[in-house]
Protein backbone atom coordinates (compact mmCIF):
# COMPACT_ATOMS: atom_id res chain seq x y z
CA UNK A 1 108.05 103.03 102.37
CA UNK A 2 106.58 100.13 100.45
CA UNK A 3 105.63 99.26 96.90
CA UNK A 4 103.32 96.85 95.13
CA UNK A 5 104.82 95.21 92.05
CA UNK A 6 103.53 92.98 89.29
CA UNK A 7 104.09 89.34 90.25
CA UNK A 8 106.41 88.46 87.37
CA UNK A 9 107.48 91.75 85.78
CA UNK A 10 109.54 94.63 87.16
CA UNK A 11 106.66 97.13 87.05
CA UNK A 12 105.98 99.16 90.19
CA UNK A 13 102.21 99.51 90.51
CA UNK A 14 102.00 101.65 93.66
CA UNK A 15 104.31 103.39 96.14
CA UNK A 16 103.15 104.23 99.65
CA UNK A 17 104.24 104.98 103.18
CA UNK A 18 103.04 103.38 106.38
CA UNK A 19 103.36 106.21 108.85
CA UNK A 20 101.47 105.37 112.02
CA UNK A 21 100.18 102.01 110.77
CA UNK A 22 101.53 98.80 109.33
CA UNK A 23 102.04 97.91 105.68
CA UNK A 24 99.40 95.21 106.16
CA UNK A 25 96.87 97.76 107.46
CA UNK A 26 97.53 99.96 104.42
CA UNK A 27 97.09 96.90 102.17
CA UNK A 28 93.66 96.21 103.70
CA UNK A 29 92.47 99.81 103.12
CA UNK A 30 93.02 99.78 99.36
CA UNK A 31 89.86 98.02 98.14
CA UNK A 32 89.30 100.51 95.29
CA UNK A 33 92.91 100.10 94.16
CA UNK A 34 92.66 96.29 94.10
CA UNK A 35 89.35 96.43 92.22
CA UNK A 36 90.77 98.85 89.62
CA UNK A 37 93.93 96.76 89.29
CA UNK A 38 91.85 93.69 88.46
CA UNK A 39 89.35 95.42 86.16
CA UNK A 40 91.63 97.85 84.34
CA UNK A 41 94.88 95.89 84.23
CA UNK A 42 93.78 92.26 84.63
CA UNK A 43 96.27 91.81 87.48
CA UNK A 44 95.07 89.51 90.28
CA UNK A 45 98.34 88.94 92.18
CA UNK A 46 101.18 91.17 93.30
CA UNK A 47 104.43 91.33 95.23
CA UNK A 48 105.22 93.69 98.09
CA UNK A 49 108.60 95.22 98.84
CA UNK A 50 109.37 97.29 101.93
CA UNK A 51 112.19 99.78 102.34
CA UNK A 52 113.72 101.33 105.41
CA UNK A 53 115.38 104.71 105.04
CA UNK A 54 118.76 104.99 106.69
CA UNK A 55 119.64 108.44 107.98
CA UNK A 56 122.99 109.81 109.14
CA UNK A 57 123.14 110.16 112.93
CA UNK A 58 122.93 113.95 112.77
CA UNK A 59 119.59 113.87 110.94
CA UNK A 60 116.25 112.55 112.05
CA UNK A 61 113.36 111.13 110.10
CA UNK A 62 110.24 113.27 110.26
CA UNK A 63 106.78 112.66 108.84
CA UNK A 64 107.34 115.50 106.39
CA UNK A 65 110.65 114.06 105.18
CA UNK A 66 109.04 110.63 104.71
CA UNK A 67 106.18 112.23 102.76
CA UNK A 68 108.67 114.15 100.61
CA UNK A 69 110.67 111.00 99.82
CA UNK A 70 107.46 109.17 98.90
CA UNK A 71 106.33 112.06 96.66
CA UNK A 72 109.70 112.28 94.92
CA UNK A 73 109.68 108.54 94.19
CA UNK A 74 106.13 108.73 92.86
CA UNK A 75 107.00 111.75 90.71
CA UNK A 76 110.12 110.05 89.32
CA UNK A 77 108.71 106.54 88.76
CA UNK A 78 105.06 107.40 88.00
CA UNK A 79 103.48 104.13 89.24
CA UNK A 80 100.13 103.25 87.65
CA UNK A 81 98.23 103.29 90.96
CA UNK A 82 99.49 106.58 92.38
CA UNK A 83 97.00 109.11 91.08
CA UNK A 84 97.16 111.83 93.74
CA UNK A 85 100.79 112.90 93.21
C-alpha cells in the first residue's frame, strides 16, 4: 500500500496498492490525477509513503485481502483523490 500526501500538511491525497507493479509505475500512470491535483487544489508537489502489511505466520496475503485493506482505508480516511471507492 502507498499514499500520496501534501508536502507540508498531514493530508492524505490518495491511497493505492501496487499489486503486480511498482509504486513508481503506479505514479507514472496517474496523469489525470496529477493534472486535477494541480488545477483543482493548486498542489504541485507531494510526498509518498509506503506501507508493508505484516501478517501472522498462519495467514497469507492475497490480492483480495490487499484490495479489501485498501478499500477500508479509503472508506475510513476519504482521501481527495480516491473517487472510485
